[in-house]
Structure formats: structure tokens, C-alpha cells
Amino acid sequence: MSLKLGDMVAYEHPDTGQRIVARVRKFDQRNKQIYLDAHNEAGKLDDRHKDANDLFRNFSKTPNALKAIKVRQVRIDEIGQVFDPGPQDRASRDARKQGR
């Protein structure tokens, strides 16, 4: 998968397991991190992360760790419909095949 700034992705949150739709905000080449922000977060996100009174926290992963949270690119059309192909790992594909 190839990502660039501003791409929309979906992933399974590591703690809750729920699907999160996020935007690729930053690539940190020094620490080899990709920063993903929920699609409904706005403002100066680095400043919000530093503010102790704000609940927002950065979410970043290394490229190899993205596979563990099942990151995939999604498409969102003009009226806000999310087109999510779902996780593309082997176990998910096998489960979809069994359900047919």
C-alpha cells in the first residue's frame, strides 16, 4: 500500500477494536513514524497533543506496525459515504470466502 499526506485510511483501534477513519497527517522520517488523526479532529494537532487539558493524543505507528492494526485505504465520496474494502489480511479474506 502506498500512502501520501492527506490520504484517508481506516484501521482497527488496538485497544477497543472499533474501526477508525483517519487522515494521514505526517511522516516522521527521523523516528520512522506515520501519524494518523481521526477524520473529525481539527486545529493545531501538535499543540493539542501537548495541552494536558485536551483529550486529543497523537496516534502514530511505524510502517510495519500498520499491518497489525489492519490499515487500509478508504475512499470517501462527495456526500460523505465511506467505501471501506475491509481488512485485507489472510485471515479476513479466508473468513469472507467461508461466508459465501
Protein backbone atom coordinates (compact mmCIF):
# COMPACT_ATOMS: atom_id res chain seq x y z
CA MET A 1 0.00 0.00 0.00
CA SER A 2 1.28 3.43 -0.89
CA LEU A 3 0.30 6.38 1.31
CA LYS A 4 0.76 10.11 0.90
CA LEU A 5 -0.17 13.09 3.05
CA GLY A 6 -3.90 13.64 3.28
CA ASP A 7 -4.90 10.08 2.33
CA MET A 8 -7.86 8.65 4.19
CA VAL A 9 -7.40 5.28 5.86
CA ALA A 10 -9.37 3.01 8.16
CA TYR A 11 -7.88 0.88 10.91
CA GLU A 12 -8.91 -1.24 13.87
CA HIS A 13 -8.11 0.60 17.12
CA PRO A 14 -5.59 -1.51 19.09
CA ASP A 15 -7.41 -1.06 22.43
CA THR A 16 -11.10 -1.06 21.51
CA GLY A 17 -11.09 -2.92 18.19
CA GLN A 18 -13.50 -0.44 16.63
CA ARG A 19 -12.98 0.91 13.12
CA ILE A 20 -11.46 4.39 12.98
CA VAL A 21 -11.44 6.50 9.82
CA ALA A 22 -8.38 8.72 9.84
CA ARG A 23 -6.25 11.03 7.73
CA VAL A 24 -2.51 10.68 7.20
CA ARG A 25 -1.15 13.87 8.75
CA LYS A 26 2.61 13.50 8.92
CA PHE A 27 5.54 11.24 8.06
CA ASP A 28 8.35 11.49 10.61
CA GLN A 29 11.39 10.12 8.83
CA ARG A 30 13.69 10.53 11.80
CA ASN A 31 11.59 8.24 14.04
CA LYS A 32 10.08 6.30 11.12
CA GLN A 33 6.52 7.06 12.28
CA ILE A 34 3.31 7.69 10.35
CA TYR A 35 0.87 9.97 12.17
CA LEU A 36 -2.83 9.21 11.74
CA ASP A 37 -5.56 11.54 13.02
CA ALA A 38 -9.24 10.75 13.29
CA HIS A 39 -11.17 12.37 10.47
CA ASN A 40 -13.16 14.56 12.90
CA GLU A 41 -10.14 16.15 14.64
CA ALA A 42 -9.07 19.65 13.64
CA GLY A 43 -6.87 22.52 14.72
CA LYS A 44 -3.21 22.62 15.61
CA LEU A 45 -2.90 18.96 16.49
CA ASP A 46 0.69 19.06 17.76
CA ASP A 47 -0.27 21.85 20.18
CA ARG A 48 -3.41 19.96 21.22
CA HIS A 49 -1.28 16.89 21.99
CA LYS A 50 0.96 18.96 24.31
CA ASP A 51 -2.03 20.52 26.13
CA ALA A 52 -2.75 18.50 29.29
CA ASN A 53 -6.40 19.65 29.34
CA ASP A 54 -7.13 18.39 25.82
CA LEU A 55 -8.11 14.74 25.39
CA PHE A 56 -6.55 14.52 21.91
CA ARG A 57 -3.40 12.39 21.67
CA ASN A 58 -1.27 11.67 18.61
CA PHE A 59 -1.63 8.22 17.11
CA SER A 60 1.47 7.08 15.26
CA LYS A 61 2.82 3.76 14.09
CA THR A 62 5.80 2.51 12.16
CA PRO A 63 5.08 1.24 8.64
CA ASN A 64 5.48 -2.41 9.70
CA ALA A 65 3.11 -1.95 12.67
CA LEU A 66 0.32 -0.75 10.36
CA LYS A 67 -0.34 -4.35 9.34
CA ALA A 68 -1.16 -5.31 12.94
CA ILE A 69 -3.97 -2.71 13.14
CA LYS A 70 -5.26 -3.64 9.67
CA VAL A 71 -4.77 -0.27 7.98
CA ARG A 72 -6.34 0.08 4.55
CA GLN A 73 -7.05 3.00 2.25
CA VAL A 74 -10.64 4.12 2.04
CA ARG A 75 -12.45 6.38 -0.37
CA ILE A 76 -14.98 8.98 0.70
CA ASP A 77 -17.29 10.44 -1.92
CA GLU A 78 -18.80 13.92 -2.15
CA ILE A 79 -21.75 13.16 0.12
CA GLY A 80 -19.64 11.51 2.81
CA GLN A 81 -20.15 7.83 2.09
CA VAL A 82 -17.15 5.76 3.16
CA PHE A 83 -16.07 2.98 0.82
CA ASP A 84 -14.04 0.63 3.00
CA PRO A 85 -12.81 -2.62 1.41
CA GLY A 86 -12.30 -4.12 4.88
CA PRO A 87 -9.16 -5.74 6.26
CA GLN A 88 -7.07 -7.42 3.57
CA ASP A 89 -5.09 -9.83 5.75
CA ARG A 90 -5.19 -13.56 5.07
CA ALA A 91 -7.50 -14.45 7.99
CA SER A 92 -10.07 -11.83 6.95
CA ARG A 93 -10.02 -12.98 3.31
CA ASP A 94 -10.47 -16.61 4.37
CA ALA A 95 -13.39 -15.68 6.64
CA ARG A 96 -15.11 -13.81 3.78
CA LYS A 97 -14.65 -16.80 1.48
CA GLN A 98 -16.20 -19.13 4.09
CA GLY A 99 -19.22 -16.82 4.42
CA ARG A 100 -20.10 -17.05 0.72
